[in-house]
Amino acid sequence: MRFLLNLLLMLVVALGVGFGLSWYALSDGRLFGASQYGPWVTWTRAGAPEPDPYTRAFITRNAALQLGQAEGLTLVATTDSDGRRLDRACRYRVDGRTPTSTFWTLIPVDDHDGSVARPDGPPGFHSSRIARSNDGSMQLYFSKTLSPLNWIELTGDGPFSLVLTLYDTVIFSGVGASETATLPSIIRESC
């Protein structure tokens, strides 16, 4: 009887660890295929002709159309630069520069990739329609209350994510290896 209980316990532990690691690899994945730079996470092999098994499983699980490696790269932030989960009740400033790219977009989305921006307003920012400082840096605001310069009004309650899509970029290609240092920071100003 003791043997059967030990066998059952080992089976439960093995299944728990196996399914737990599989869930982690497909949702967070930083140890398996995703790369993290500050608050920004990306799957660099997502647009490759032959992605690794973890990247392929992540793409299948999210059912999202991916850009090819030569077309661009998508980075997602679910936390601010201090590691706190992004919340629609707070005011955030995205500060700094983006890596070199022909065009980029920055859109706030919920956990199901639906827009959380005001329905009758712009869905997000893009590189050709923002006010910049003299040095080329930007300050983009996401909040429910009016903010200066570049602002997207958020609706609803709960957590959200910021999706930065860089089109025609050299980041991670080896050409501009220091480009990841130019990813903008996400600063929570108030809650």
C-alpha atoms as a PDB file:
ATOM      1  CA  MET A   1       0.000   0.000   0.000  1.00  0.00           C
ATOM      2  CA  ARG A   2       2.847   2.361   0.888  1.00  0.00           C
ATOM      3  CA  PHE A   3       4.448   1.666  -2.501  1.00  0.00           C
ATOM      4  CA  LEU A   4       1.247   2.699  -4.313  1.00  0.00           C
ATOM      5  CA  LEU A   5       0.992   5.932  -2.305  1.00  0.00           C
ATOM      6  CA  ASN A   6       4.633   6.800  -3.075  1.00  0.00           C
ATOM      7  CA  LEU A   7       4.095   5.997  -6.747  1.00  0.00           C
ATOM      8  CA  LEU A   8       0.972   8.164  -6.845  1.00  0.00           C
ATOM      9  CA  LEU A   9       2.820  11.026  -5.096  1.00  0.00           C
ATOM     10  CA  MET A  10       5.723  10.807  -7.571  1.00  0.00           C
ATOM     11  CA  LEU A  11       3.277  10.830 -10.476  1.00  0.00           C
ATOM     12  CA  VAL A  12       1.481  13.933  -9.125  1.00  0.00           C
ATOM     13  CA  VAL A  13       4.807  15.751  -8.564  1.00  0.00           C
ATOM     14  CA  ALA A  14       6.086  14.801 -12.046  1.00  0.00           C
ATOM     15  CA  LEU A  15       2.887  15.983 -13.732  1.00  0.00           C
ATOM     16  CA  GLY A  16       2.828  19.199 -11.667  1.00  0.00           C
ATOM     17  CA  VAL A  17       6.438  20.061 -12.514  1.00  0.00           C
ATOM     18  CA  GLY A  18       6.007  19.095 -16.171  1.00  0.00           C
ATOM     19  CA  PHE A  19       2.825  21.067 -16.745  1.00  0.00           C
ATOM     20  CA  GLY A  20       4.105  23.969 -14.614  1.00  0.00           C
ATOM     21  CA  LEU A  21       7.301  24.315 -16.648  1.00  0.00           C
ATOM     22  CA  SER A  22       5.356  23.990 -19.903  1.00  0.00           C
ATOM     23  CA  TRP A  23       2.951  26.748 -18.845  1.00  0.00           C
ATOM     24  CA  TYR A  24       5.877  28.980 -17.830  1.00  0.00           C
ATOM     25  CA  ALA A  25       7.718  28.364 -21.107  1.00  0.00           C
ATOM     26  CA  LEU A  26       4.653  29.335 -23.135  1.00  0.00           C
ATOM     27  CA  SER A  27       3.485  32.318 -21.100  1.00  0.00           C
ATOM     28  CA  ASP A  28       6.632  34.032 -19.785  1.00  0.00           C
ATOM     29  CA  GLY A  29       9.407  32.096 -21.464  1.00  0.00           C
ATOM     30  CA  ARG A  30      12.385  34.271 -20.521  1.00  0.00           C
ATOM     31  CA  LEU A  31      14.415  31.177 -19.682  1.00  0.00           C
ATOM     32  CA  PHE A  32      13.498  29.394 -22.910  1.00  0.00           C
ATOM     33  CA  GLY A  33      13.077  31.665 -25.948  1.00  0.00           C
ATOM     34  CA  ALA A  34      12.068  35.167 -24.952  1.00  0.00           C
ATOM     35  CA  SER A  35      14.454  38.042 -24.277  1.00  0.00           C
ATOM     36  CA  GLN A  36      13.826  40.760 -21.712  1.00  0.00           C
ATOM     37  CA  TYR A  37      15.216  44.302 -21.810  1.00  0.00           C
ATOM     38  CA  GLY A  38      13.964  46.310 -18.847  1.00  0.00           C
ATOM     39  CA  PRO A  39      10.164  46.003 -18.912  1.00  0.00           C
ATOM     40  CA  TRP A  40      10.128  44.954 -22.603  1.00  0.00           C
ATOM     41  CA  VAL A  41       9.886  41.259 -23.580  1.00  0.00           C
ATOM     42  CA  THR A  42      10.220  39.896 -27.104  1.00  0.00           C
ATOM     43  CA  TRP A  43      10.464  36.542 -28.836  1.00  0.00           C
ATOM     44  CA  THR A  44      13.345  37.297 -31.223  1.00  0.00           C
ATOM     45  CA  ARG A  45      12.915  34.073 -33.236  1.00  0.00           C
ATOM     46  CA  ALA A  46       9.169  34.560 -33.785  1.00  0.00           C
ATOM     47  CA  GLY A  47       9.552  35.634 -37.419  1.00  0.00           C
ATOM     48  CA  ALA A  48      12.307  33.178 -38.317  1.00  0.00           C
ATOM     49  CA  PRO A  49      11.680  30.558 -41.017  1.00  0.00           C
ATOM     50  CA  GLU A  50      12.547  27.806 -38.508  1.00  0.00           C
ATOM     51  CA  PRO A  51      11.774  29.047 -34.960  1.00  0.00           C
ATOM     52  CA  ASP A  52      12.800  26.958 -31.961  1.00  0.00           C
ATOM     53  CA  PRO A  53      10.111  24.692 -30.419  1.00  0.00           C
ATOM     54  CA  TYR A  54       9.358  27.085 -27.535  1.00  0.00           C
ATOM     55  CA  THR A  55       8.873  30.033 -29.876  1.00  0.00           C
ATOM     56  CA  ARG A  56       6.669  27.927 -32.164  1.00  0.00           C
ATOM     57  CA  ALA A  57       4.540  26.855 -29.175  1.00  0.00           C
ATOM     58  CA  PHE A  58       4.275  30.487 -27.962  1.00  0.00           C
ATOM     59  CA  ILE A  59       3.110  31.639 -31.418  1.00  0.00           C
ATOM     60  CA  THR A  60       0.550  28.824 -31.601  1.00  0.00           C
ATOM     61  CA  ARG A  61      -0.737  29.493 -28.080  1.00  0.00           C
ATOM     62  CA  ASN A  62      -1.234  33.228 -28.754  1.00  0.00           C
ATOM     63  CA  ALA A  63      -2.615  32.688 -32.265  1.00  0.00           C
ATOM     64  CA  ALA A  64      -1.053  35.968 -33.401  1.00  0.00           C
ATOM     65  CA  LEU A  65       0.200  36.811 -36.852  1.00  0.00           C
ATOM     66  CA  GLN A  66       3.935  37.393 -36.538  1.00  0.00           C
ATOM     67  CA  LEU A  67       6.128  39.722 -38.565  1.00  0.00           C
ATOM     68  CA  GLY A  68       8.988  38.142 -40.504  1.00  0.00           C
ATOM     69  CA  GLN A  69      12.505  38.758 -39.197  1.00  0.00           C
ATOM     70  CA  ALA A  70      13.210  41.275 -41.946  1.00  0.00           C
ATOM     71  CA  GLU A  71       9.838  43.009 -41.445  1.00  0.00           C
ATOM     72  CA  GLY A  72       9.994  43.977 -37.791  1.00  0.00           C
ATOM     73  CA  LEU A  73       9.803  43.031 -34.155  1.00  0.00           C
ATOM     74  CA  THR A  74       7.137  43.203 -31.438  1.00  0.00           C
ATOM     75  CA  LEU A  75       8.012  43.979 -27.828  1.00  0.00           C
ATOM     76  CA  VAL A  76       5.481  43.737 -24.992  1.00  0.00           C
ATOM     77  CA  ALA A  77       5.621  45.349 -21.546  1.00  0.00           C
ATOM     78  CA  THR A  78       3.284  44.137 -18.810  1.00  0.00           C
ATOM     79  CA  THR A  79       5.182  45.918 -16.010  1.00  0.00           C
ATOM     80  CA  ASP A  80       6.730  49.338 -15.510  1.00  0.00           C
ATOM     81  CA  SER A  81      10.501  49.834 -15.202  1.00  0.00           C
ATOM     82  CA  ASP A  82      10.278  49.098 -11.453  1.00  0.00           C
ATOM     83  CA  GLY A  83       8.608  45.718 -12.068  1.00  0.00           C
ATOM     84  CA  ARG A  84       5.057  46.672 -10.981  1.00  0.00           C
ATOM     85  CA  ARG A  85       2.160  45.411 -13.120  1.00  0.00           C
ATOM     86  CA  LEU A  86       0.690  48.098 -15.424  1.00  0.00           C
ATOM     87  CA  ASP A  87      -2.724  49.194 -14.124  1.00  0.00           C
ATOM     88  CA  ARG A  88      -5.298  51.413 -15.845  1.00  0.00           C
ATOM     89  CA  ALA A  89      -5.912  53.297 -12.584  1.00  0.00           C
ATOM     90  CA  CYS A  90      -2.374  54.737 -12.761  1.00  0.00           C
ATOM     91  CA  ARG A  91      -0.654  57.336 -14.928  1.00  0.00           C
ATOM     92  CA  TYR A  92       2.415  56.180 -16.888  1.00  0.00           C
ATOM     93  CA  ARG A  93       5.073  58.035 -18.849  1.00  0.00           C
ATOM     94  CA  VAL A  94       6.989  56.197 -21.555  1.00  0.00           C
ATOM     95  CA  ASP A  95      10.252  58.110 -21.666  1.00  0.00           C
ATOM     96  CA  GLY A  96      13.270  57.956 -23.946  1.00  0.00           C
ATOM     97  CA  ARG A  97      13.915  56.772 -27.483  1.00  0.00           C
ATOM     98  CA  THR A  98      13.016  53.812 -29.624  1.00  0.00           C
ATOM     99  CA  PRO A  99      15.567  51.738 -31.539  1.00  0.00           C
ATOM    100  CA  THR A 100      16.216  52.738 -35.130  1.00  0.00           C
ATOM    101  CA  SER A 101      13.323  51.663 -37.334  1.00  0.00           C
ATOM    102  CA  THR A 102      11.440  52.940 -40.360  1.00  0.00           C
ATOM    103  CA  PHE A 103       8.166  53.147 -38.420  1.00  0.00           C
ATOM    104  CA  TRP A 104       6.898  52.100 -34.991  1.00  0.00           C
ATOM    105  CA  THR A 105       3.598  51.875 -33.083  1.00  0.00           C
ATOM    106  CA  LEU A 106       2.873  51.775 -29.342  1.00  0.00           C
ATOM    107  CA  ILE A 107      -0.589  50.531 -28.357  1.00  0.00           C
ATOM    108  CA  PRO A 108      -2.169  49.813 -24.931  1.00  0.00           C
ATOM    109  CA  VAL A 109      -4.062  46.486 -24.874  1.00  0.00           C
ATOM    110  CA  ASP A 110      -5.846  44.287 -22.334  1.00  0.00           C
ATOM    111  CA  ASP A 111      -5.013  40.629 -21.634  1.00  0.00           C
ATOM    112  CA  HIS A 112      -6.962  39.550 -24.743  1.00  0.00           C
ATOM    113  CA  ASP A 113      -5.175  42.049 -27.062  1.00  0.00           C
ATOM    114  CA  GLY A 114      -8.222  44.349 -27.184  1.00  0.00           C
ATOM    115  CA  SER A 115      -7.618  48.078 -27.175  1.00  0.00           C
ATOM    116  CA  VAL A 116      -7.989  49.901 -23.847  1.00  0.00           C
ATOM    117  CA  ALA A 117      -7.753  53.366 -25.427  1.00  0.00           C
ATOM    118  CA  ARG A 118     -10.815  55.623 -25.609  1.00  0.00           C
ATOM    119  CA  PRO A 119     -12.989  54.314 -28.512  1.00  0.00           C
ATOM    120  CA  ASP A 120     -13.404  57.689 -30.229  1.00  0.00           C
ATOM    121  CA  GLY A 121      -9.727  58.627 -29.856  1.00  0.00           C
ATOM    122  CA  PRO A 122      -6.477  57.336 -31.338  1.00  0.00           C
ATOM    123  CA  PRO A 123      -5.747  53.675 -30.500  1.00  0.00           C
ATOM    124  CA  GLY A 124      -2.094  54.418 -29.743  1.00  0.00           C
ATOM    125  CA  PHE A 125       0.994  56.321 -30.818  1.00  0.00           C
ATOM    126  CA  HIS A 126       3.068  55.994 -33.950  1.00  0.00           C
ATOM    127  CA  SER A 127       6.399  57.462 -34.920  1.00  0.00           C
ATOM    128  CA  SER A 128       5.196  60.045 -37.421  1.00  0.00           C
ATOM    129  CA  ARG A 129       2.648  61.792 -35.169  1.00  0.00           C
ATOM    130  CA  ILE A 130       4.208  62.614 -31.811  1.00  0.00           C
ATOM    131  CA  ALA A 131       5.809  65.692 -30.299  1.00  0.00           C
ATOM    132  CA  ARG A 132       9.501  65.199 -29.497  1.00  0.00           C
ATOM    133  CA  SER A 133      12.046  67.101 -27.431  1.00  0.00           C
ATOM    134  CA  ASN A 134      14.898  68.945 -29.141  1.00  0.00           C
ATOM    135  CA  ASP A 135      17.224  65.999 -28.534  1.00  0.00           C
ATOM    136  CA  GLY A 136      14.808  63.602 -30.281  1.00  0.00           C
ATOM    137  CA  SER A 137      13.556  61.906 -27.121  1.00  0.00           C
ATOM    138  CA  MET A 138       9.855  61.491 -26.412  1.00  0.00           C
ATOM    139  CA  GLN A 139       7.471  61.512 -23.498  1.00  0.00           C
ATOM    140  CA  LEU A 140       4.280  59.517 -24.075  1.00  0.00           C
ATOM    141  CA  TYR A 141       1.537  59.401 -21.441  1.00  0.00           C
ATOM    142  CA  PHE A 142      -1.059  56.698 -20.766  1.00  0.00           C
ATOM    143  CA  SER A 143      -3.729  57.510 -18.166  1.00  0.00           C
ATOM    144  CA  LYS A 144      -7.407  58.172 -17.523  1.00  0.00           C
ATOM    145  CA  THR A 145      -6.694  61.823 -16.699  1.00  0.00           C
ATOM    146  CA  LEU A 146      -5.449  64.562 -19.001  1.00  0.00           C
ATOM    147  CA  SER A 147      -1.672  64.634 -19.398  1.00  0.00           C
ATOM    148  CA  PRO A 148       0.685  67.012 -21.236  1.00  0.00           C
ATOM    149  CA  LEU A 149       2.098  66.605 -24.764  1.00  0.00           C
ATOM    150  CA  ASN A 150       1.464  63.084 -26.125  1.00  0.00           C
ATOM    151  CA  TRP A 151      -1.429  61.396 -24.302  1.00  0.00           C
ATOM    152  CA  ILE A 152      -3.651  58.344 -24.806  1.00  0.00           C
ATOM    153  CA  GLU A 153      -6.747  58.150 -22.613  1.00  0.00           C
ATOM    154  CA  LEU A 154      -7.282  54.719 -21.062  1.00  0.00           C
ATOM    155  CA  THR A 155     -10.702  53.210 -20.400  1.00  0.00           C
ATOM    156  CA  GLY A 156     -11.909  50.439 -18.118  1.00  0.00           C
ATOM    157  CA  ASP A 157     -10.242  48.954 -15.073  1.00  0.00           C
ATOM    158  CA  GLY A 158      -7.572  46.390 -14.403  1.00  0.00           C
ATOM    159  CA  PRO A 159      -4.198  45.496 -15.848  1.00  0.00           C
ATOM    160  CA  PHE A 160      -3.009  46.292 -19.357  1.00  0.00           C
ATOM    161  CA  SER A 161       0.060  45.853 -21.547  1.00  0.00           C
ATOM    162  CA  LEU A 162       1.968  48.110 -23.919  1.00  0.00           C
ATOM    163  CA  VAL A 163       2.798  46.642 -27.333  1.00  0.00           C
ATOM    164  CA  LEU A 164       5.697  48.312 -29.172  1.00  0.00           C
ATOM    165  CA  THR A 165       6.034  47.178 -32.786  1.00  0.00           C
ATOM    166  CA  LEU A 166       9.157  48.209 -34.677  1.00  0.00           C
ATOM    167  CA  TYR A 167       8.901  47.937 -38.461  1.00  0.00           C
ATOM    168  CA  ASP A 168      12.012  47.483 -40.619  1.00  0.00           C
ATOM    169  CA  THR A 169      14.458  47.598 -37.719  1.00  0.00           C
ATOM    170  CA  VAL A 170      18.070  46.489 -37.273  1.00  0.00           C
ATOM    171  CA  ILE A 171      17.676  45.626 -33.587  1.00  0.00           C
ATOM    172  CA  PHE A 172      19.001  42.091 -32.824  1.00  0.00           C
ATOM    173  CA  SER A 173      20.430  41.777 -36.347  1.00  0.00           C
ATOM    174  CA  GLY A 174      23.994  42.313 -35.168  1.00  0.00           C
ATOM    175  CA  VAL A 175      24.242  45.609 -37.057  1.00  0.00           C
ATOM    176  CA  GLY A 176      23.165  47.819 -34.153  1.00  0.00           C
ATOM    177  CA  ALA A 177      24.071  45.697 -31.126  1.00  0.00           C
ATOM    178  CA  SER A 178      23.764  48.676 -28.775  1.00  0.00           C
ATOM    179  CA  GLU A 179      20.226  49.432 -30.010  1.00  0.00           C
ATOM    180  CA  THR A 180      18.580  47.628 -27.061  1.00  0.00           C
ATOM    181  CA  ALA A 181      19.931  50.339 -24.764  1.00  0.00           C
ATOM    182  CA  THR A 182      17.588  52.800 -26.512  1.00  0.00           C
ATOM    183  CA  LEU A 183      14.365  51.066 -25.494  1.00  0.00           C
ATOM    184  CA  PRO A 184      12.174  53.542 -23.597  1.00  0.00           C
ATOM    185  CA  SER A 185      11.538  53.277 -19.882  1.00  0.00           C
ATOM    186  CA  ILE A 186       8.027  53.086 -18.392  1.00  0.00           C
ATOM    187  CA  ILE A 187       7.598  55.270 -15.326  1.00  0.00           C
ATOM    188  CA  ARG A 188       4.576  55.188 -13.025  1.00  0.00           C
ATOM    189  CA  GLU A 189       3.889  58.816 -12.071  1.00  0.00           C
ATOM    190  CA  SER A 190       0.776  58.411  -9.930  1.00  0.00           C
ATOM    191  CA  CYS A 191      -1.954  55.976  -8.976  1.00  0.00           C
END
